[in-house]
Amino acid sequence: MIDALCGVTPEEDYVLPDGDVETWSVNQVAGWAATKLSARTAQALRTNEVDGALLVEMSKADIRTELGIPSLRDRNALSAAIAELAPRKKAAKQPSWWPSPRPRSEKADETIIAVAPEAGEAEATEDERDMEESLWEAALLVGAPETSLGDAATTVGLLVLMVATQLIFLYVAAQLGYDKAITAETVSEFRKFRVEIAHDVQYYDAARGVSLARKVCSELAYNEVAASQVDQFAVLKTYAGMQDRLWPQGVLLCIIALLVWTFTIVGSVLKAGMTLYSVLRMDVGPARTAWGVILQVVRLCICCVLAWFVAALLVAHVQPQRELFVKARDALCAGELDFIYASDAAGIVAWAHTPGARVDRLEERNFPDGGGAGADLTMDDNMDWSFREWTVQTVLRQLGRDHFIGVDAAGNATCYDACYLWDEATGATLGSNPAAPACCLATKTRLPVAAGGSWSVAQQKQRSVEDAVVTWNSGCEDTLDLQFELDLQIRGAVGDAVSRDACGGSCPPSKPFCDATTKSCIAPSCSDVARYCHDNDDIGLRARLFCPRTCGCDDPRSSLVLANPNQGCGRNCMRAGGYMARLQDTPCEDVEYNDTAYNAYLDNWERVGWTWPQDFAASAVSLSLQLRWGCWVLPWLELGPTNLCVEGGANWPIRPLSYFCPATCGCRAGDPHCPLTCPARESYDCAEDLATGNGGVCPVGAWTP
């Protein structure tokens, strides 16, 4: 083979080996030419059916000169000479069911299977096929008498390297093929981004009048908040397309790649089968036949593995990935109705359409979870669902345009009448309907505008605790126990302030509160949140805001420390009839140091103090311990400008001590946070109080004419 590649001189073409060359068959002549001359020469000799006798005749110098064939490699001259020296034989035909060989004009350079029959063997009559320039077929020459040991070793080494390379390719392709670019967790992350961030008023673009979600889907929001989502959406859009694109690029490229892969494998299988057929029909001895069969069986096995890989990739990976890509795209950008939402200090959720929202358009596939307009909301196990998230998901799904305007296509009231219980006699509402449809989450929390005006999402975000108290509980009632129009939102706000881990991570809107004791979702009442009244966190704030009477906001001498308006106890609680009645009955005297209510107050002071920053906690706890001696120590404490007798007079957000120490604090009738039984004030300065030796610790009323 190496000699053939390097070439020989024309005279050497006719140097025949020793032995009875005249008895050679056509196959033996072709095998000799393939080994000593070239593959093309062997092909020409075989095509013209040159046997040993004809080869000997052509090797004579006078015959070569006469016929003009100085070299066997001159195939044109060779064909003309053979036509004169010997009659042409008819080519053997292959079975009718076997694929016909390519026309000679289309064949690439091909070698001939070098077959060297045993000495004296008659010329073979098996059907013959040209070899491909492939290691799978070049390896068939291993073991032939004309193949040197070095050529055989080189061929086998290259064959092993090729098989190893294909096996490595299969392994790498399998690893990459099943390394999913999009997973169910990715879809959940997109939904969470959409619900928690993308429509939040904090990221609202007032100049464009669009939410962050719309900017991401328009590929305009390349910032630190949504840069990765913009990049991912560009990939999703390219692969999965949008609703108006029938054949997105990703799908087309995937189909083309799979088709090319499939055709390549089918071609390899056919070639391996044809070679195996030829090997089985050649009489070259059992050892070489077994070698040829093993080669082609290995080749077929690799082809089968590749075919299986394609099928598995298509069934188990490509189609599911296509579905996940679509779900991820919809989770991130499905929907035409743009909106923003916000929660105020009380945790009440509200939303409104952005100025550019297309409220007159409803897409059937407009919902991040893939559900239809009338489908029930379903929980995502990978998402910690809160009442706020339920509400936003409901808005995202829209539940049909008609639900938002209050009537369906037939003119029947939907998400208005069905959201409430009604008094048939008076037509008044009796509260929210426990069996209300999901759209009520959206209709009951909708505001007129995104920005501007007192009822806007922008104002909702800026509403302070004191403002929230006035808006949601102006009457100092235990509103969490009431059944009225706002009960759905109030229960949801309270439910969002506690962990839902004990209940599996989510609670439905009708029962948004996770009771850690029973590990069940419930519709909360004030008795359920009473244990949180003294907590310095969200649930404590909302417990005091929505259950002020249960927590003691309306009791001057309750043990509640966090009783100021910015802690959830509204100022109206200090104007309520019960509060005023208690002030009227409270004597203008300091309580004893062992008074039960006083010590309960100090206990809660110490308990709450440990939740403050360390420096504030240390001083507050130390002060609560000194006050255990009674009210009389108050003037002797080195407090500097701190005034514990008035609201806002200390660094700590605590109820004034004037309720328990009215005499020491110098209370007078009419002063805030003082009993009404105290003597009337004769002047509006501290001179009178200083004379009593109270250290000038005057209530706020002493400073206001």
Foldseek 3Di string as FASTA:
>chain_A
DVQQVVADDQLVQLPDDDDDLQQFFLLQVLLVCVLNHHQQLSVLSSQQRPGSNNSNVCSDPVLCVVQVDSHSNPSVSVNSSSVVVDPGDDADDDDPVADDDDPPVPDDDFGAQRFDDDPPDHHDDDHGDTHHPDLLRVQLNQPPPSDDPVNNVVSVVVVVVVLVVLVVVLVVCVVVLPPFPFDPLLLVVLLCCVQPPQQALVQQDQVVLFTNLVCLLVLNPCDPSCVVSSVLLVVLCQQQNDPPDDQHPNNVVVVVVLVVLVVVLVVQLSVLVVQLVNLVRDDRDDVSSVVSNVSSVSSNVSSVSSVVVSVCSVPVNDVVSSVSSVLSNLSRHAAQFTKHWAAALLRFIAMETTPPGPLVDDDQQRANRRDGLQDDDDDDLSDLDALSSLLSNLVSSVSDSQQQVQADPVGHGALPVQQFDADVVPRDTQAGDLPHDSNVSHNLRYFHYCDDDCGHRVVNHVQALQNVLCVPPVQQALQCAGGHHCNLRLQRSLLRFDALVLQSSADDSSFSHQQNVVSHGHSDGLVSLLVLCLPPGSNVLNSCQNHVVSSPLLDLLALHWLNDSNSRNYPSSCVDPSSLVNLQVQALAADQLPDPSLVSNLVSQLVRLVVDPPVSSVVSNVVSVVCSNGPVCQLVDPPDQAQQQEQPRHPDNTRRCCLRHVVLQVDAQPFPSHRNNHHHDPAQACPVVVVVVSNSRYYPSSPPD
